Amino acid sequence: MSELENRLTICFASVFPALTEEEIRSASAESIGVWDSLSSVTLAAVIQEEFNLEIDPEVLPNLDSFQAFRAYLQGAVVALDGKEA
């Protein structure tokens, strides 16, 4: 697992502490019964803090799974790297 995935897993575990690491990696709003709008906002806040970035509020409804957050963060890291180059 990459560093990004490890850090993202920790973020998810802080919001959904009952999930195993395997469950987190396959987590989605559909598969996790306790994932609601408050969980989404909390998760976004935790991830923003961990990765020191701001998630566009218009994108948040589309970030409904571990994989979606991972893809978003991979894009954000690439964009940040591009700006610094």
C-alpha atoms as a PDB file:
ATOM      1  CA  MET A   1       0.000   0.000   0.000  1.00  0.00           C
ATOM      2  CA  SER A   2       1.281   3.471  -0.870  1.00  0.00           C
ATOM      3  CA  GLU A   3       1.895   6.217   1.660  1.00  0.00           C
ATOM      4  CA  LEU A   4      -1.182   8.035   0.335  1.00  0.00           C
ATOM      5  CA  GLU A   5      -3.334   4.935   0.879  1.00  0.00           C
ATOM      6  CA  ASN A   6      -1.896   4.418   4.378  1.00  0.00           C
ATOM      7  CA  ARG A   7      -2.674   7.997   5.370  1.00  0.00           C
ATOM      8  CA  LEU A   8      -6.131   7.792   3.804  1.00  0.00           C
ATOM      9  CA  THR A   9      -6.821   4.536   5.658  1.00  0.00           C
ATOM     10  CA  ILE A  10      -5.950   6.264   8.933  1.00  0.00           C
ATOM     11  CA  CYS A  11      -8.374   9.086   8.078  1.00  0.00           C
ATOM     12  CA  PHE A  12     -11.157   6.614   7.340  1.00  0.00           C
ATOM     13  CA  ALA A  13     -10.393   4.672  10.544  1.00  0.00           C
ATOM     14  CA  SER A  14     -10.782   7.839  12.608  1.00  0.00           C
ATOM     15  CA  VAL A  15     -14.278   8.400  11.190  1.00  0.00           C
ATOM     16  CA  PHE A  16     -15.308   4.724  10.929  1.00  0.00           C
ATOM     17  CA  PRO A  17     -13.417   3.042  13.812  1.00  0.00           C
ATOM     18  CA  ALA A  18     -15.410  -0.215  13.647  1.00  0.00           C
ATOM     19  CA  LEU A  19     -14.133  -1.052  10.140  1.00  0.00           C
ATOM     20  CA  THR A  20     -11.170  -3.299   9.464  1.00  0.00           C
ATOM     21  CA  GLU A  21      -8.413  -2.149   7.130  1.00  0.00           C
ATOM     22  CA  GLU A  22      -9.790  -4.414   4.396  1.00  0.00           C
ATOM     23  CA  GLU A  23     -13.313  -3.015   4.863  1.00  0.00           C
ATOM     24  CA  ILE A  24     -11.948   0.521   4.682  1.00  0.00           C
ATOM     25  CA  ARG A  25     -10.230  -0.107   1.335  1.00  0.00           C
ATOM     26  CA  SER A  26     -13.534  -1.286  -0.152  1.00  0.00           C
ATOM     27  CA  ALA A  27     -15.700   1.221   1.759  1.00  0.00           C
ATOM     28  CA  SER A  28     -18.382   3.233   0.030  1.00  0.00           C
ATOM     29  CA  ALA A  29     -21.448   5.150   1.107  1.00  0.00           C
ATOM     30  CA  GLU A  30     -23.514   2.239  -0.189  1.00  0.00           C
ATOM     31  CA  SER A  31     -21.597  -0.477   1.663  1.00  0.00           C
ATOM     32  CA  ILE A  32     -21.218   1.308   5.003  1.00  0.00           C
ATOM     33  CA  GLY A  33     -24.562   1.773   6.731  1.00  0.00           C
ATOM     34  CA  VAL A  34     -23.322   4.542   9.027  1.00  0.00           C
ATOM     35  CA  TRP A  35     -21.886   6.628   6.159  1.00  0.00           C
ATOM     36  CA  ASP A  36     -24.207   9.611   5.937  1.00  0.00           C
ATOM     37  CA  SER A  37     -23.842  13.278   5.018  1.00  0.00           C
ATOM     38  CA  LEU A  38     -22.330  14.126   8.410  1.00  0.00           C
ATOM     39  CA  SER A  39     -19.799  11.317   7.982  1.00  0.00           C
ATOM     40  CA  SER A  40     -18.904  12.670   4.535  1.00  0.00           C
ATOM     41  CA  VAL A  41     -18.277  16.160   5.873  1.00  0.00           C
ATOM     42  CA  THR A  42     -16.307  14.828   8.847  1.00  0.00           C
ATOM     43  CA  LEU A  43     -14.239  12.575   6.614  1.00  0.00           C
ATOM     44  CA  ALA A  44     -13.521  15.459   4.239  1.00  0.00           C
ATOM     45  CA  ALA A  45     -12.404  17.641   7.155  1.00  0.00           C
ATOM     46  CA  VAL A  46     -10.089  14.930   8.491  1.00  0.00           C
ATOM     47  CA  ILE A  47      -8.610  14.345   5.024  1.00  0.00           C
ATOM     48  CA  GLN A  48      -8.138  18.070   4.400  1.00  0.00           C
ATOM     49  CA  GLU A  49      -6.260  18.339   7.694  1.00  0.00           C
ATOM     50  CA  GLU A  50      -4.121  15.245   7.033  1.00  0.00           C
ATOM     51  CA  PHE A  51      -3.194  16.201   3.467  1.00  0.00           C
ATOM     52  CA  ASN A  52      -3.103  19.971   4.008  1.00  0.00           C
ATOM     53  CA  LEU A  53      -5.444  20.735   1.116  1.00  0.00           C
ATOM     54  CA  GLU A  54      -8.926  22.035   0.515  1.00  0.00           C
ATOM     55  CA  ILE A  55     -11.537  19.806  -1.074  1.00  0.00           C
ATOM     56  CA  ASP A  56     -13.834  21.636  -3.462  1.00  0.00           C
ATOM     57  CA  PRO A  57     -17.328  21.484  -1.858  1.00  0.00           C
ATOM     58  CA  GLU A  58     -18.872  20.905  -5.287  1.00  0.00           C
ATOM     59  CA  VAL A  59     -16.828  17.705  -5.630  1.00  0.00           C
ATOM     60  CA  LEU A  60     -17.707  16.337  -2.185  1.00  0.00           C
ATOM     61  CA  PRO A  61     -20.935  14.561  -3.263  1.00  0.00           C
ATOM     62  CA  ASN A  62     -18.857  12.519  -5.731  1.00  0.00           C
ATOM     63  CA  LEU A  63     -16.389  11.454  -3.041  1.00  0.00           C
ATOM     64  CA  ASP A  64     -18.478   8.543  -1.836  1.00  0.00           C
ATOM     65  CA  SER A  65     -15.902   5.781  -1.484  1.00  0.00           C
ATOM     66  CA  PHE A  66     -12.347   5.075  -0.433  1.00  0.00           C
ATOM     67  CA  GLN A  67     -11.431   4.670  -4.089  1.00  0.00           C
ATOM     68  CA  ALA A  68     -13.019   8.020  -5.028  1.00  0.00           C
ATOM     69  CA  PHE A  69     -11.099   9.835  -2.292  1.00  0.00           C
ATOM     70  CA  ARG A  70      -7.892   8.064  -3.334  1.00  0.00           C
ATOM     71  CA  ALA A  71      -8.346   9.087  -6.979  1.00  0.00           C
ATOM     72  CA  TYR A  72      -9.153  12.666  -5.944  1.00  0.00           C
ATOM     73  CA  LEU A  73      -6.076  12.854  -3.731  1.00  0.00           C
ATOM     74  CA  GLN A  74      -3.845  11.372  -6.425  1.00  0.00           C
ATOM     75  CA  GLY A  75      -5.044  14.124  -8.764  1.00  0.00           C
ATOM     76  CA  ALA A  76      -4.514  16.778  -6.102  1.00  0.00           C
ATOM     77  CA  VAL A  77      -0.960  15.595  -5.405  1.00  0.00           C
ATOM     78  CA  VAL A  78      -0.140  15.624  -9.117  1.00  0.00           C
ATOM     79  CA  ALA A  79      -1.564  19.144  -9.403  1.00  0.00           C
ATOM     80  CA  LEU A  80       0.445  20.340  -6.394  1.00  0.00           C
ATOM     81  CA  ASP A  81       3.616  18.760  -7.753  1.00  0.00           C
ATOM     82  CA  GLY A  82       3.008  20.463 -11.090  1.00  0.00           C
ATOM     83  CA  LYS A  83       2.654  23.863  -9.441  1.00  0.00           C
ATOM     84  CA  GLU A  84       5.876  23.464  -7.512  1.00  0.00           C
ATOM     85  CA  ALA A  85       7.897  22.360 -10.521  1.00  0.00           C
END
